[in-house]
PDB file of N, CA and C in Angstrom:
ATOM      1  N   MET A   1       0.845  -1.178   0.000  1.00  0.00           N
ATOM      2  CA  MET A   1       0.000   0.000   0.000  1.00  0.00           C
ATOM      3  C   MET A   1       0.890   1.240   0.000  1.00  0.00           C
ATOM      4  N   ALA A   2       0.518   2.222  -0.774  1.00  0.00           N
ATOM      5  CA  ALA A   2       1.289   3.464  -0.849  1.00  0.00           C
ATOM      6  C   ALA A   2       0.410   4.626  -0.386  1.00  0.00           C
ATOM      7  N   ILE A   3       1.053   5.612   0.207  1.00  0.00           N
ATOM      8  CA  ILE A   3       0.358   6.820   0.651  1.00  0.00           C
ATOM      9  C   ILE A   3       0.894   7.988  -0.162  1.00  0.00           C
ATOM     10  N   THR A   4      -0.008   8.769  -0.739  1.00  0.00           N
ATOM     11  CA  THR A   4       0.374   9.988  -1.449  1.00  0.00           C
ATOM     12  C   THR A   4      -0.249  11.168  -0.718  1.00  0.00           C
ATOM     13  N   PRO A   5       0.558  12.068  -0.181  1.00  0.00           N
ATOM     14  CA  PRO A   5       0.010  13.236   0.511  1.00  0.00           C
ATOM     15  C   PRO A   5      -0.771  14.133  -0.456  1.00  0.00           C
ATOM     16  N   ILE A   6      -1.865  14.699   0.030  1.00  0.00           N
ATOM     17  CA  ILE A   6      -2.679  15.603  -0.773  1.00  0.00           C
ATOM     18  C   ILE A   6      -2.397  17.025  -0.333  1.00  0.00           C
ATOM     19  N   GLY A   7      -2.200  17.913  -1.305  1.00  0.00           N
ATOM     20  CA  GLY A   7      -1.883  19.301  -1.007  1.00  0.00           C
ATOM     21  C   GLY A   7      -0.427  19.445  -0.623  1.00  0.00           C
ATOM     22  N   PRO A   8      -0.056  20.555  -0.010  1.00  0.00           N
ATOM     23  CA  PRO A   8       1.351  20.803   0.344  1.00  0.00           C
ATOM     24  C   PRO A   8       1.757  20.054   1.618  1.00  0.00           C
ATOM     25  N   ARG A   9       1.721  18.735   1.538  1.00  0.00           N
ATOM     26  CA  ARG A   9       2.086  17.894   2.682  1.00  0.00           C
ATOM     27  C   ARG A   9       3.173  16.911   2.271  1.00  0.00           C
ATOM     28  N   VAL A  10       3.871  16.386   3.272  1.00  0.00           N
ATOM     29  CA  VAL A  10       5.002  15.484   3.035  1.00  0.00           C
ATOM     30  C   VAL A  10       4.873  14.281   3.959  1.00  0.00           C
ATOM     31  N   LEU A  11       5.127  13.096   3.424  1.00  0.00           N
ATOM     32  CA  LEU A  11       5.164  11.869   4.215  1.00  0.00           C
ATOM     33  C   LEU A  11       6.619  11.570   4.515  1.00  0.00           C
ATOM     34  N   ILE A  12       6.958  11.441   5.796  1.00  0.00           N
ATOM     35  CA  ILE A  12       8.345  11.164   6.172  1.00  0.00           C
ATOM     36  C   ILE A  12       8.410   9.959   7.097  1.00  0.00           C
ATOM     37  N   LYS A  13       9.571   9.351   7.135  1.00  0.00           N
ATOM     38  CA  LYS A  13       9.871   8.291   8.088  1.00  0.00           C
ATOM     39  C   LYS A  13      10.822   8.906   9.099  1.00  0.00           C
ATOM     40  N   PRO A  14      10.323   9.194  10.310  1.00  0.00           N
ATOM     41  CA  PRO A  14      11.186   9.831  11.309  1.00  0.00           C
ATOM     42  C   PRO A  14      12.284   8.884  11.775  1.00  0.00           C
ATOM     43  N   TYR A  15      13.434   9.459  12.105  1.00  0.00           N
ATOM     44  CA  TYR A  15      14.535   8.662  12.630  1.00  0.00           C
ATOM     45  C   TYR A  15      14.224   8.241  14.055  1.00  0.00           C
ATOM     46  N   LYS A  16      14.636   7.050  14.402  1.00  0.00           N
ATOM     47  CA  LYS A  16      14.390   6.517  15.748  1.00  0.00           C
ATOM     48  C   LYS A  16      15.265   7.238  16.764  1.00  0.00           C
ATOM     49  N   GLN A  17      14.738   7.315  17.978  1.00  0.00           N
ATOM     50  CA  GLN A  17      15.463   7.965  19.068  1.00  0.00           C
ATOM     51  C   GLN A  17      16.486   7.006  19.651  1.00  0.00           C
ATOM     52  N   GLU A  18      17.512   7.581  20.229  1.00  0.00           N
ATOM     53  CA  GLU A  18      18.527   6.780  20.903  1.00  0.00           C
ATOM     54  C   GLU A  18      17.928   6.190  22.177  1.00  0.00           C
ATOM     55  N   GLU A  19      18.180   4.926  22.407  1.00  0.00           N
ATOM     56  CA  GLU A  19      17.687   4.251  23.604  1.00  0.00           C
ATOM     57  C   GLU A  19      18.657   4.410  24.779  1.00  0.00           C
ATOM     58  N   LYS A  20      19.942   4.610  24.470  1.00  0.00           N
ATOM     59  CA  LYS A  20      20.922   4.803  25.543  1.00  0.00           C
ATOM     60  C   LYS A  20      22.012   5.750  25.064  1.00  0.00           C
ATOM     61  N   THR A  21      22.729   6.301  26.019  1.00  0.00           N
ATOM     62  CA  THR A  21      23.799   7.239  25.712  1.00  0.00           C
ATOM     63  C   THR A  21      25.038   6.494  25.236  1.00  0.00           C
ATOM     64  N   LYS A  22      26.021   7.242  24.765  1.00  0.00           N
ATOM     65  CA  LYS A  22      27.276   6.625  24.330  1.00  0.00           C
ATOM     66  C   LYS A  22      27.969   5.888  25.466  1.00  0.00           C
ATOM     67  N   GLY A  23      27.736   6.339  26.686  1.00  0.00           N
ATOM     68  CA  GLY A  23      28.339   5.704  27.856  1.00  0.00           C
ATOM     69  C   GLY A  23      27.589   4.467  28.329  1.00  0.00           C
ATOM     70  N   GLY A  24      26.431   4.148  27.693  1.00  0.00           N
ATOM     71  CA  GLY A  24      25.696   2.949  28.032  1.00  0.00           C
ATOM     72  C   GLY A  24      24.550   3.146  29.001  1.00  0.00           C
ATOM     73  N   ILE A  25      24.224   4.403  29.343  1.00  0.00           N
ATOM     74  CA  ILE A  25      23.123   4.677  30.266  1.00  0.00           C
ATOM     75  C   ILE A  25      21.821   4.709  29.479  1.00  0.00           C
ATOM     76  N   PHE A  26      20.819   3.940  29.923  1.00  0.00           N
ATOM     77  CA  PHE A  26      19.533   3.922  29.247  1.00  0.00           C
ATOM     78  C   PHE A  26      18.758   5.205  29.550  1.00  0.00           C
ATOM     79  N   ILE A  27      18.095   5.737  28.524  1.00  0.00           N
ATOM     80  CA  ILE A  27      17.343   6.978  28.647  1.00  0.00           C
ATOM     81  C   ILE A  27      15.865   6.638  28.812  1.00  0.00           C
ATOM     82  N   PRO A  28      15.224   7.071  29.921  1.00  0.00           N
ATOM     83  CA  PRO A  28      13.791   6.795  30.080  1.00  0.00           C
ATOM     84  C   PRO A  28      12.970   7.610  29.083  1.00  0.00           C
ATOM     85  N   ASP A  29      11.777   7.121  28.740  1.00  0.00           N
ATOM     86  CA  ASP A  29      10.916   7.800  27.769  1.00  0.00           C
ATOM     87  C   ASP A  29      10.611   9.239  28.167  1.00  0.00           C
ATOM     88  N   SER A  30      10.478   9.496  29.460  1.00  0.00           N
ATOM     89  CA  SER A  30      10.140  10.843  29.915  1.00  0.00           C
ATOM     90  C   SER A  30      11.275  11.839  29.691  1.00  0.00           C
ATOM     91  N   ALA A  31      12.505  11.372  29.531  1.00  0.00           N
ATOM     92  CA  ALA A  31      13.652  12.269  29.359  1.00  0.00           C
ATOM     93  C   ALA A  31      14.109  12.378  27.903  1.00  0.00           C
ATOM     94  N   LYS A  32      13.495  11.616  27.014  1.00  0.00           N
ATOM     95  CA  LYS A  32      13.922  11.630  25.616  1.00  0.00           C
ATOM     96  C   LYS A  32      13.436  12.880  24.916  1.00  0.00           C
ATOM     97  N   GLU A  33      14.301  13.434  24.085  1.00  0.00           N
ATOM     98  CA  GLU A  33      13.907  14.532  23.212  1.00  0.00           C
ATOM     99  C   GLU A  33      13.530  13.919  21.882  1.00  0.00           C
ATOM    100  N   LYS A  34      12.432  14.385  21.326  1.00  0.00           N
ATOM    101  CA  LYS A  34      12.035  13.880  20.020  1.00  0.00           C
ATOM    102  C   LYS A  34      12.951  14.483  18.967  1.00  0.00           C
ATOM    103  N   LYS A  35      13.567  13.617  18.191  1.00  0.00           N
ATOM    104  CA  LYS A  35      14.374  14.106  17.084  1.00  0.00           C
ATOM    105  C   LYS A  35      13.424  14.553  16.000  1.00  0.00           C
ATOM    106  N   LYS A  36      13.670  15.675  15.469  1.00  0.00           N
ATOM    107  CA  LYS A  36      12.841  16.219  14.405  1.00  0.00           C
ATOM    108  C   LYS A  36      13.584  16.095  13.094  1.00  0.00           C
ATOM    109  N   GLN A  37      13.959  14.876  12.780  1.00  0.00           N
ATOM    110  CA  GLN A  37      14.703  14.612  11.563  1.00  0.00           C
ATOM    111  C   GLN A  37      14.143  13.338  10.948  1.00  0.00           C
ATOM    112  N   GLY A  38      14.057  13.304   9.617  1.00  0.00           N
ATOM    113  CA  GLY A  38      13.534  12.114   8.976  1.00  0.00           C
ATOM    114  C   GLY A  38      13.811  12.104   7.490  1.00  0.00           C
ATOM    115  N   GLU A  39      13.430  10.999   6.860  1.00  0.00           N
ATOM    116  CA  GLU A  39      13.631  10.820   5.423  1.00  0.00           C
ATOM    117  C   GLU A  39      12.296  10.998   4.708  1.00  0.00           C
ATOM    118  N   VAL A  40      12.304  11.770   3.620  1.00  0.00           N
ATOM    119  CA  VAL A  40      11.105  12.001   2.829  1.00  0.00           C
ATOM    120  C   VAL A  40      10.764  10.728   2.060  1.00  0.00           C
ATOM    121  N   ILE A  41       9.520  10.297   2.170  1.00  0.00           N
ATOM    122  CA  ILE A  41       9.043   9.100   1.471  1.00  0.00           C
ATOM    123  C   ILE A  41       8.191   9.498   0.266  1.00  0.00           C
ATOM    124  N   ALA A  42       7.281  10.458   0.452  1.00  0.00           N
ATOM    125  CA  ALA A  42       6.408  10.917  -0.634  1.00  0.00           C
ATOM    126  C   ALA A  42       6.073  12.382  -0.413  1.00  0.00           C
ATOM    127  N   VAL A  43       5.784  13.095  -1.505  1.00  0.00           N
ATOM    128  CA  VAL A  43       5.446  14.519  -1.418  1.00  0.00           C
ATOM    129  C   VAL A  43       4.173  14.802  -2.203  1.00  0.00           C
ATOM    130  N   GLY A  44       3.456  15.806  -1.755  1.00  0.00           N
ATOM    131  CA  GLY A  44       2.272  16.282  -2.462  1.00  0.00           C
ATOM    132  C   GLY A  44       2.663  17.430  -3.381  1.00  0.00           C
ATOM    133  N   THR A  45       1.704  18.292  -3.685  1.00  0.00           N
ATOM    134  CA  THR A  45       1.962  19.452  -4.537  1.00  0.00           C
ATOM    135  C   THR A  45       1.350  20.687  -3.899  1.00  0.00           C
ATOM    136  N   PHE A  46       1.793  21.860  -4.359  1.00  0.00           N
ATOM    137  CA  PHE A  46       1.172  23.103  -3.922  1.00  0.00           C
ATOM    138  C   PHE A  46      -0.253  23.153  -4.467  1.00  0.00           C
ATOM    139  N   GLU A  47      -1.060  24.079  -3.966  1.00  0.00           N
ATOM    140  CA  GLU A  47      -2.452  24.208  -4.387  1.00  0.00           C
ATOM    141  C   GLU A  47      -2.576  24.433  -5.894  1.00  0.00           C
ATOM    142  N   ASP A  48      -1.599  25.128  -6.486  1.00  0.00           N
ATOM    143  CA  ASP A  48      -1.650  25.397  -7.927  1.00  0.00           C
ATOM    144  C   ASP A  48      -1.059  24.263  -8.773  1.00  0.00           C
ATOM    145  N   GLY A  49      -0.683  23.152  -8.133  1.00  0.00           N
ATOM    146  CA  GLY A  49      -0.175  21.996  -8.854  1.00  0.00           C
ATOM    147  C   GLY A  49       1.334  21.937  -9.013  1.00  0.00           C
ATOM    148  N   LYS A  50       2.029  22.984  -8.562  1.00  0.00           N
ATOM    149  CA  LYS A  50       3.493  22.991  -8.671  1.00  0.00           C
ATOM    150  C   LYS A  50       4.094  21.977  -7.702  1.00  0.00           C
ATOM    151  N   VAL A  51       5.228  21.424  -8.100  1.00  0.00           N
ATOM    152  CA  VAL A  51       5.921  20.414  -7.299  1.00  0.00           C
ATOM    153  C   VAL A  51       6.635  21.069  -6.122  1.00  0.00           C
ATOM    154  N   LEU A  52       6.607  20.416  -4.954  1.00  0.00           N
ATOM    155  CA  LEU A  52       7.334  20.910  -3.785  1.00  0.00           C
ATOM    156  C   LEU A  52       8.842  20.785  -4.042  1.00  0.00           C
ATOM    157  N   PRO A  53       9.660  21.666  -3.478  1.00  0.00           N
ATOM    158  CA  PRO A  53      11.109  21.651  -3.748  1.00  0.00           C
ATOM    159  C   PRO A  53      11.893  20.594  -2.960  1.00  0.00           C
ATOM    160  N   ILE A  54      11.263  19.507  -2.626  1.00  0.00           N
ATOM    161  CA  ILE A  54      11.942  18.377  -2.004  1.00  0.00           C
ATOM    162  C   ILE A  54      11.491  17.120  -2.737  1.00  0.00           C
ATOM    163  N   SER A  55      12.230  16.049  -2.569  1.00  0.00           N
ATOM    164  CA  SER A  55      11.867  14.817  -3.263  1.00  0.00           C
ATOM    165  C   SER A  55      12.112  13.612  -2.357  1.00  0.00           C
ATOM    166  N   PRO A  56      11.517  12.469  -2.683  1.00  0.00           N
ATOM    167  CA  PRO A  56      11.735  11.268  -1.877  1.00  0.00           C
ATOM    168  C   PRO A  56      13.225  10.940  -1.763  1.00  0.00           C
ATOM    169  N   GLY A  57      13.625  10.567  -0.565  1.00  0.00           N
ATOM    170  CA  GLY A  57      15.027  10.265  -0.294  1.00  0.00           C
ATOM    171  C   GLY A  57      15.765  11.401   0.388  1.00  0.00           C
ATOM    172  N   ASP A  58      15.222  12.623   0.336  1.00  0.00           N
ATOM    173  CA  ASP A  58      15.853  13.767   1.018  1.00  0.00           C
ATOM    174  C   ASP A  58      15.749  13.585   2.526  1.00  0.00           C
ATOM    175  N   ILE A  59      16.757  14.069   3.239  1.00  0.00           N
ATOM    176  CA  ILE A  59      16.757  14.073   4.703  1.00  0.00           C
ATOM    177  C   ILE A  59      16.409  15.487   5.139  1.00  0.00           C
ATOM    178  N   ILE A  60      15.405  15.617   6.013  1.00  0.00           N
ATOM    179  CA  ILE A  60      14.938  16.945   6.413  1.00  0.00           C
ATOM    180  C   ILE A  60      14.918  17.098   7.932  1.00  0.00           C
ATOM    181  N   LEU A  61      14.916  18.360   8.357  1.00  0.00           N
ATOM    182  CA  LEU A  61      14.649  18.741   9.743  1.00  0.00           C
ATOM    183  C   LEU A  61      13.276  19.391   9.738  1.00  0.00           C
ATOM    184  N   TYR A  62      12.447  19.073  10.729  1.00  0.00           N
ATOM    185  CA  TYR A  62      11.110  19.641  10.755  1.00  0.00           C
ATOM    186  C   TYR A  62      10.731  20.062  12.161  1.00  0.00           C
ATOM    187  N   GLY A  63       9.777  20.949  12.234  1.00  0.00           N
ATOM    188  CA  GLY A  63       9.291  21.455  13.511  1.00  0.00           C
ATOM    189  C   GLY A  63       7.784  21.466  13.500  1.00  0.00           C
ATOM    190  N   GLY A  64       7.215  22.160  14.460  1.00  0.00           N
ATOM    191  CA  GLY A  64       5.764  22.277  14.531  1.00  0.00           C
ATOM    192  C   GLY A  64       5.127  21.132  15.294  1.00  0.00           C
ATOM    193  N   TYR A  65       3.852  21.328  15.582  1.00  0.00           N
ATOM    194  CA  TYR A  65       3.123  20.340  16.358  1.00  0.00           C
ATOM    195  C   TYR A  65       1.955  19.746  15.581  1.00  0.00           C
ATOM    196  N   SER A  66       1.626  20.317  14.429  1.00  0.00           N
ATOM    197  CA  SER A  66       0.482  19.810  13.661  1.00  0.00           C
ATOM    198  C   SER A  66       0.959  18.767  12.662  1.00  0.00           C
ATOM    199  N   GLN A  67       1.022  17.533  13.125  1.00  0.00           N
ATOM    200  CA  GLN A  67       1.443  16.438  12.270  1.00  0.00           C
ATOM    201  C   GLN A  67       0.610  15.216  12.592  1.00  0.00           C
ATOM    202  N   GLU A  68       0.447  14.362  11.610  1.00  0.00           N
ATOM    203  CA  GLU A  68      -0.322  13.138  11.781  1.00  0.00           C
ATOM    204  C   GLU A  68       0.628  11.952  11.808  1.00  0.00           C
ATOM    205  N   GLU A  69       0.536  11.137  12.826  1.00  0.00           N
ATOM    206  CA  GLU A  69       1.344   9.925  12.893  1.00  0.00           C
ATOM    207  C   GLU A  69       0.540   8.785  12.289  1.00  0.00           C
ATOM    208  N   VAL A  70       1.177   8.018  11.403  1.00  0.00           N
ATOM    209  CA  VAL A  70       0.518   6.955  10.667  1.00  0.00           C
ATOM    210  C   VAL A  70       1.350   5.690  10.781  1.00  0.00           C
ATOM    211  N   GLU A  71       0.679   4.546  10.926  1.00  0.00           N
ATOM    212  CA  GLU A  71       1.388   3.272  10.908  1.00  0.00           C
ATOM    213  C   GLU A  71       0.960   2.523   9.658  1.00  0.00           C
ATOM    214  N   LEU A  72       1.939   2.114   8.858  1.00  0.00           N
ATOM    215  CA  LEU A  72       1.674   1.401   7.618  1.00  0.00           C
ATOM    216  C   LEU A  72       2.624   0.218   7.533  1.00  0.00           C
ATOM    217  N   GLU A  73       2.069  -0.969   7.436  1.00  0.00           N
ATOM    218  CA  GLU A  73       2.862  -2.194   7.363  1.00  0.00           C
ATOM    219  C   GLU A  73       3.890  -2.279   8.503  1.00  0.00           C
ATOM    220  N   LYS A  74       3.417  -2.003   9.722  1.00  0.00           N
ATOM    221  CA  LYS A  74       4.210  -2.067  10.954  1.00  0.00           C
ATOM    222  C   LYS A  74       5.372  -1.078  10.990  1.00  0.00           C
ATOM    223  N   GLU A  75       5.318  -0.030  10.187  1.00  0.00           N
ATOM    224  CA  GLU A  75       6.322   1.038  10.195  1.00  0.00           C
ATOM    225  C   GLU A  75       5.618   2.338  10.563  1.00  0.00           C
ATOM    226  N   ASP A  76       6.302   3.190  11.340  1.00  0.00           N
ATOM    227  CA  ASP A  76       5.738   4.479  11.735  1.00  0.00           C
ATOM    228  C   ASP A  76       6.153   5.564  10.747  1.00  0.00           C
ATOM    229  N   TYR A  77       5.178   6.396  10.360  1.00  0.00           N
ATOM    230  CA  TYR A  77       5.415   7.507   9.449  1.00  0.00           C
ATOM    231  C   TYR A  77       4.751   8.748  10.020  1.00  0.00           C
ATOM    232  N   VAL A  78       5.129   9.906   9.491  1.00  0.00           N
ATOM    233  CA  VAL A  78       4.536  11.176   9.887  1.00  0.00           C
ATOM    234  C   VAL A  78       4.160  11.933   8.630  1.00  0.00           C
ATOM    235  N   ILE A  79       2.936  12.495   8.623  1.00  0.00           N
ATOM    236  CA  ILE A  79       2.518  13.388   7.548  1.00  0.00           C
ATOM    237  C   ILE A  79       2.489  14.783   8.134  1.00  0.00           C
ATOM    238  N   LEU A  80       3.221  15.705   7.502  1.00  0.00           N
ATOM    239  CA  LEU A  80       3.247  17.076   8.004  1.00  0.00           C
ATOM    240  C   LEU A  80       3.138  18.056   6.859  1.00  0.00           C
ATOM    241  N   GLU A  81       2.776  19.267   7.184  1.00  0.00           N
ATOM    242  CA  GLU A  81       2.649  20.312   6.175  1.00  0.00           C
ATOM    243  C   GLU A  81       4.029  20.784   5.754  1.00  0.00           C
ATOM    244  N   PHE A  82       4.153  21.146   4.482  1.00  0.00           N
ATOM    245  CA  PHE A  82       5.422  21.588   3.928  1.00  0.00           C
ATOM    246  C   PHE A  82       5.992  22.779   4.695  1.00  0.00           C
ATOM    247  N   LYS A  83       5.122  23.669   5.174  1.00  0.00           N
ATOM    248  CA  LYS A  83       5.600  24.872   5.875  1.00  0.00           C
ATOM    249  C   LYS A  83       6.337  24.529   7.180  1.00  0.00           C
ATOM    250  N   ASN A  84       6.168  23.307   7.710  1.00  0.00           N
ATOM    251  CA  ASN A  84       6.841  22.911   8.938  1.00  0.00           C
ATOM    252  C   ASN A  84       8.239  22.334   8.705  1.00  0.00           C
ATOM    253  N   ILE A  85       8.632  22.229   7.450  1.00  0.00           N
ATOM    254  CA  ILE A  85       9.989  21.760   7.147  1.00  0.00           C
ATOM    255  C   ILE A  85      10.942  22.944   7.312  1.00  0.00           C
ATOM    256  N   VAL A  86      11.948  22.739   8.146  1.00  0.00           N
ATOM    257  CA  VAL A  86      12.889  23.801   8.475  1.00  0.00           C
ATOM    258  C   VAL A  86      14.079  23.811   7.529  1.00  0.00           C
ATOM    259  N   ALA A  87      14.603  22.617   7.214  1.00  0.00           N
ATOM    260  CA  ALA A  87      15.815  22.548   6.385  1.00  0.00           C
ATOM    261  C   ALA A  87      15.933  21.191   5.716  1.00  0.00           C
ATOM    262  N   LYS A  88      16.688  21.163   4.628  1.00  0.00           N
ATOM    263  CA  LYS A  88      17.028  19.928   3.938  1.00  0.00           C
ATOM    264  C   LYS A  88      18.509  19.707   4.140  1.00  0.00           C
ATOM    265  N   LEU A  89      18.894  18.516   4.605  1.00  0.00           N
ATOM    266  CA  LEU A  89      20.305  18.220   4.860  1.00  0.00           C
ATOM    267  C   LEU A  89      20.959  17.680   3.589  1.00  0.00           C
ATOM    268  N   ASN A  90      22.167  18.127   3.327  1.00  0.00           N
ATOM    269  CA  ASN A  90      22.897  17.675   2.131  1.00  0.00           C
ATOM    270  C   ASN A  90      23.927  16.640   2.502  1.00  0.00           C
TER     271      ASN A  90
END
């Protein structure tokens, strides 16, 4: 099954959080910071039909709180609005 975002939205696979520090100390869930970094899986288009300036396979940093978490084939994904993308990593 494939998901195609509608409108100026992006489907990403967020990177997993570290379970323990480099020194071997386990980090409890309450102390973990959510990494706001992930890989683009699929992109939508602007309202006028123009292509978004990112493509599948790009690594991005994102912010904001308005995002939808989706589980597809036992994998976690996030759908977020294009305006919440902060940067593309090269």
